[in-house]
Amino acid sequence: MPITADTVQVGDAISVGGRTLIVADLCELPGGAGKMVRFRSGERLTLHPRTELSASRIGPPPVRAYRWRRTDR
């Protein structure tokens, strides 16, 4: 399935240069310039608004390990 900066999700398996990389984190770039994608391997890729890549999505995105939690103490 085609993936763009608007549709990419954590957990997507994106094919880049013949390698399959799993999306670990996403960061929106200022001014609507796209998204910075960080893969589990530590590599990063900038997806511009018109960039389209081939990817597969197995299921819903995983729950993030580093979620902000409110603590009432």
N, C-alpha and C. Protein backbone atom coordinates (compact mmCIF):
# COMPACT_ATOMS: atom_id res chain seq x y z
N MET A 1 0.84 -1.18 0.00
CA MET A 1 0.00 0.00 0.00
C MET A 1 0.88 1.23 0.00
N PRO A 2 0.48 2.30 -0.66
CA PRO A 2 1.29 3.52 -0.67
C PRO A 2 1.17 4.26 0.67
N ILE A 3 2.28 4.80 1.11
CA ILE A 3 2.36 5.57 2.36
C ILE A 3 2.85 6.97 2.04
N THR A 4 2.22 7.98 2.64
CA THR A 4 2.65 9.36 2.49
C THR A 4 2.93 9.94 3.87
N ALA A 5 3.37 11.19 3.93
CA ALA A 5 3.63 11.85 5.21
C ALA A 5 2.35 11.95 6.04
N ASP A 6 1.20 12.04 5.39
CA ASP A 6 -0.07 12.14 6.11
C ASP A 6 -0.57 10.81 6.64
N THR A 7 -0.18 9.71 6.01
CA THR A 7 -0.75 8.41 6.37
C THR A 7 0.20 7.49 7.11
N VAL A 8 1.48 7.85 7.25
CA VAL A 8 2.44 6.98 7.92
C VAL A 8 2.09 6.85 9.40
N GLN A 9 2.28 5.65 9.96
CA GLN A 9 1.98 5.37 11.37
C GLN A 9 3.13 4.61 11.99
N VAL A 10 3.24 4.72 13.30
CA VAL A 10 4.21 3.92 14.05
C VAL A 10 3.86 2.45 13.84
N GLY A 11 4.87 1.64 13.55
CA GLY A 11 4.65 0.21 13.32
C GLY A 11 4.59 -0.16 11.85
N ASP A 12 4.47 0.82 10.95
CA ASP A 12 4.46 0.53 9.52
C ASP A 12 5.80 -0.05 9.09
N ALA A 13 5.77 -1.00 8.17
CA ALA A 13 6.98 -1.58 7.59
C ALA A 13 7.17 -0.95 6.22
N ILE A 14 8.18 -0.08 6.10
CA ILE A 14 8.41 0.67 4.87
C ILE A 14 9.61 0.09 4.15
N SER A 15 9.47 -0.10 2.84
CA SER A 15 10.56 -0.61 2.02
C SER A 15 11.37 0.57 1.49
N VAL A 16 12.66 0.65 1.88
CA VAL A 16 13.55 1.72 1.45
C VAL A 16 14.83 1.08 0.92
N GLY A 17 15.12 1.29 -0.33
CA GLY A 17 16.35 0.76 -0.93
C GLY A 17 16.47 -0.75 -0.84
N GLY A 18 15.36 -1.45 -0.94
CA GLY A 18 15.38 -2.91 -0.88
C GLY A 18 15.39 -3.47 0.54
N ARG A 19 15.40 -2.59 1.55
CA ARG A 19 15.36 -3.02 2.95
C ARG A 19 14.00 -2.69 3.54
N THR A 20 13.53 -3.52 4.43
CA THR A 20 12.29 -3.24 5.13
C THR A 20 12.61 -2.68 6.50
N LEU A 21 12.13 -1.47 6.77
CA LEU A 21 12.40 -0.79 8.03
C LEU A 21 11.08 -0.53 8.74
N ILE A 22 11.08 -0.71 10.07
CA ILE A 22 9.88 -0.54 10.88
C ILE A 22 9.90 0.85 11.52
N VAL A 23 8.80 1.60 11.38
CA VAL A 23 8.69 2.94 11.94
C VAL A 23 8.57 2.85 13.45
N ALA A 24 9.49 3.54 14.16
CA ALA A 24 9.48 3.55 15.62
C ALA A 24 8.90 4.84 16.18
N ASP A 25 9.11 5.97 15.47
CA ASP A 25 8.65 7.25 15.99
C ASP A 25 8.45 8.23 14.84
N LEU A 26 7.57 9.19 15.04
CA LEU A 26 7.28 10.20 14.03
C LEU A 26 7.38 11.58 14.67
N CYS A 27 7.84 12.55 13.89
CA CYS A 27 7.93 13.93 14.36
C CYS A 27 7.48 14.83 13.22
N GLU A 28 6.48 15.66 13.48
CA GLU A 28 5.99 16.59 12.46
C GLU A 28 6.99 17.72 12.28
N LEU A 29 7.32 18.05 11.05
CA LEU A 29 8.25 19.13 10.76
C LEU A 29 7.51 20.46 10.73
N PRO A 30 8.17 21.54 11.13
CA PRO A 30 7.50 22.85 11.19
C PRO A 30 7.06 23.34 9.82
N GLY A 31 5.97 24.08 9.81
CA GLY A 31 5.48 24.68 8.58
C GLY A 31 4.85 23.70 7.61
N GLY A 32 4.46 22.53 8.07
CA GLY A 32 3.84 21.55 7.17
C GLY A 32 4.80 20.97 6.16
N ALA A 33 6.09 20.91 6.52
CA ALA A 33 7.13 20.43 5.60
C ALA A 33 7.19 18.91 5.52
N GLY A 34 6.32 18.21 6.23
CA GLY A 34 6.32 16.75 6.20
C GLY A 34 6.56 16.17 7.58
N LYS A 35 7.14 14.98 7.62
CA LYS A 35 7.42 14.30 8.89
C LYS A 35 8.80 13.69 8.87
N MET A 36 9.43 13.68 10.04
CA MET A 36 10.69 12.98 10.24
C MET A 36 10.33 11.61 10.81
N VAL A 37 10.75 10.56 10.13
CA VAL A 37 10.45 9.19 10.55
C VAL A 37 11.71 8.59 11.13
N ARG A 38 11.62 8.01 12.35
CA ARG A 38 12.75 7.30 12.95
C ARG A 38 12.38 5.83 12.95
N PHE A 39 13.31 5.02 12.44
CA PHE A 39 13.09 3.58 12.36
C PHE A 39 13.68 2.88 13.58
N ARG A 40 13.28 1.66 13.84
CA ARG A 40 13.80 0.88 14.97
C ARG A 40 15.31 0.70 14.90
N SER A 41 15.87 0.72 13.70
CA SER A 41 17.31 0.55 13.52
C SER A 41 18.07 1.82 13.88
N GLY A 42 17.35 2.93 14.13
CA GLY A 42 17.98 4.19 14.47
C GLY A 42 18.12 5.13 13.28
N GLU A 43 17.88 4.64 12.09
CA GLU A 43 17.96 5.47 10.89
C GLU A 43 16.78 6.42 10.84
N ARG A 44 16.97 7.55 10.15
CA ARG A 44 15.91 8.55 10.02
C ARG A 44 15.67 8.85 8.55
N LEU A 45 14.42 9.24 8.26
CA LEU A 45 14.03 9.57 6.90
C LEU A 45 13.03 10.72 6.96
N THR A 46 13.22 11.72 6.10
CA THR A 46 12.27 12.82 6.01
C THR A 46 11.28 12.53 4.90
N LEU A 47 10.00 12.54 5.25
CA LEU A 47 8.94 12.37 4.27
C LEU A 47 8.35 13.74 3.98
N HIS A 48 8.54 14.23 2.77
CA HIS A 48 7.95 15.49 2.36
C HIS A 48 6.48 15.25 2.01
N PRO A 49 5.66 16.30 1.97
CA PRO A 49 4.22 16.10 1.73
C PRO A 49 3.89 15.31 0.47
N ARG A 50 4.73 15.37 -0.56
CA ARG A 50 4.43 14.65 -1.81
C ARG A 50 5.18 13.33 -1.95
N THR A 51 5.97 12.95 -0.94
CA THR A 51 6.70 11.69 -0.98
C THR A 51 5.72 10.52 -0.85
N GLU A 52 5.91 9.49 -1.68
CA GLU A 52 5.07 8.30 -1.59
C GLU A 52 5.97 7.07 -1.61
N LEU A 53 5.83 6.21 -0.60
CA LEU A 53 6.63 5.00 -0.48
C LEU A 53 5.72 3.79 -0.39
N SER A 54 6.29 2.62 -0.65
CA SER A 54 5.56 1.37 -0.51
C SER A 54 5.74 0.85 0.91
N ALA A 55 4.64 0.43 1.53
CA ALA A 55 4.71 -0.05 2.91
C ALA A 55 3.64 -1.10 3.14
N SER A 56 3.75 -1.76 4.29
CA SER A 56 2.70 -2.69 4.69
C SER A 56 2.33 -2.40 6.13
N ARG A 57 1.08 -2.62 6.44
CA ARG A 57 0.56 -2.36 7.77
C ARG A 57 -0.09 -3.65 8.24
N ILE A 58 0.46 -4.22 9.30
CA ILE A 58 -0.03 -5.51 9.79
C ILE A 58 -1.24 -5.35 10.70
N GLY A 59 -1.24 -4.34 11.52
CA GLY A 59 -2.33 -4.14 12.46
C GLY A 59 -2.31 -2.72 12.99
N PRO A 60 -3.03 -2.46 14.07
CA PRO A 60 -3.04 -1.11 14.63
C PRO A 60 -1.66 -0.75 15.17
N PRO A 61 -1.34 0.55 15.24
CA PRO A 61 -0.03 0.94 15.75
C PRO A 61 0.13 0.52 17.21
N PRO A 62 1.35 0.15 17.62
CA PRO A 62 1.57 -0.27 19.00
C PRO A 62 1.44 0.90 19.95
N VAL A 63 1.12 0.60 21.21
CA VAL A 63 1.04 1.63 22.24
C VAL A 63 2.46 2.13 22.48
N ARG A 64 2.63 3.42 22.52
CA ARG A 64 3.96 3.99 22.72
C ARG A 64 4.47 3.69 24.12
N ALA A 65 5.73 3.37 24.22
CA ALA A 65 6.34 3.04 25.49
C ALA A 65 6.52 4.27 26.37
N TYR A 66 6.71 5.44 25.76
CA TYR A 66 7.00 6.65 26.52
C TYR A 66 5.83 7.62 26.43
N ARG A 67 4.74 7.26 27.02
CA ARG A 67 3.57 8.11 27.02
C ARG A 67 3.57 8.99 28.26
N TRP A 68 3.12 10.23 28.10
CA TRP A 68 3.02 11.11 29.24
C TRP A 68 1.84 10.65 30.07
N ARG A 69 2.07 10.50 31.35
CA ARG A 69 1.00 10.05 32.25
C ARG A 69 0.82 11.07 33.36
N ARG A 70 -0.40 11.39 33.62
CA ARG A 70 -0.70 12.32 34.70
C ARG A 70 -0.69 11.58 36.02
N THR A 71 0.00 12.13 36.98
CA THR A 71 0.03 11.52 38.30
C THR A 71 -0.48 12.55 39.31
N ASP A 72 -1.46 12.17 40.06
CA ASP A 72 -2.01 13.03 41.10
C ASP A 72 -1.44 12.61 42.43
N ARG A 73 -0.43 13.33 42.87
CA ARG A 73 0.20 13.01 44.16
C ARG A 73 0.17 14.18 45.07
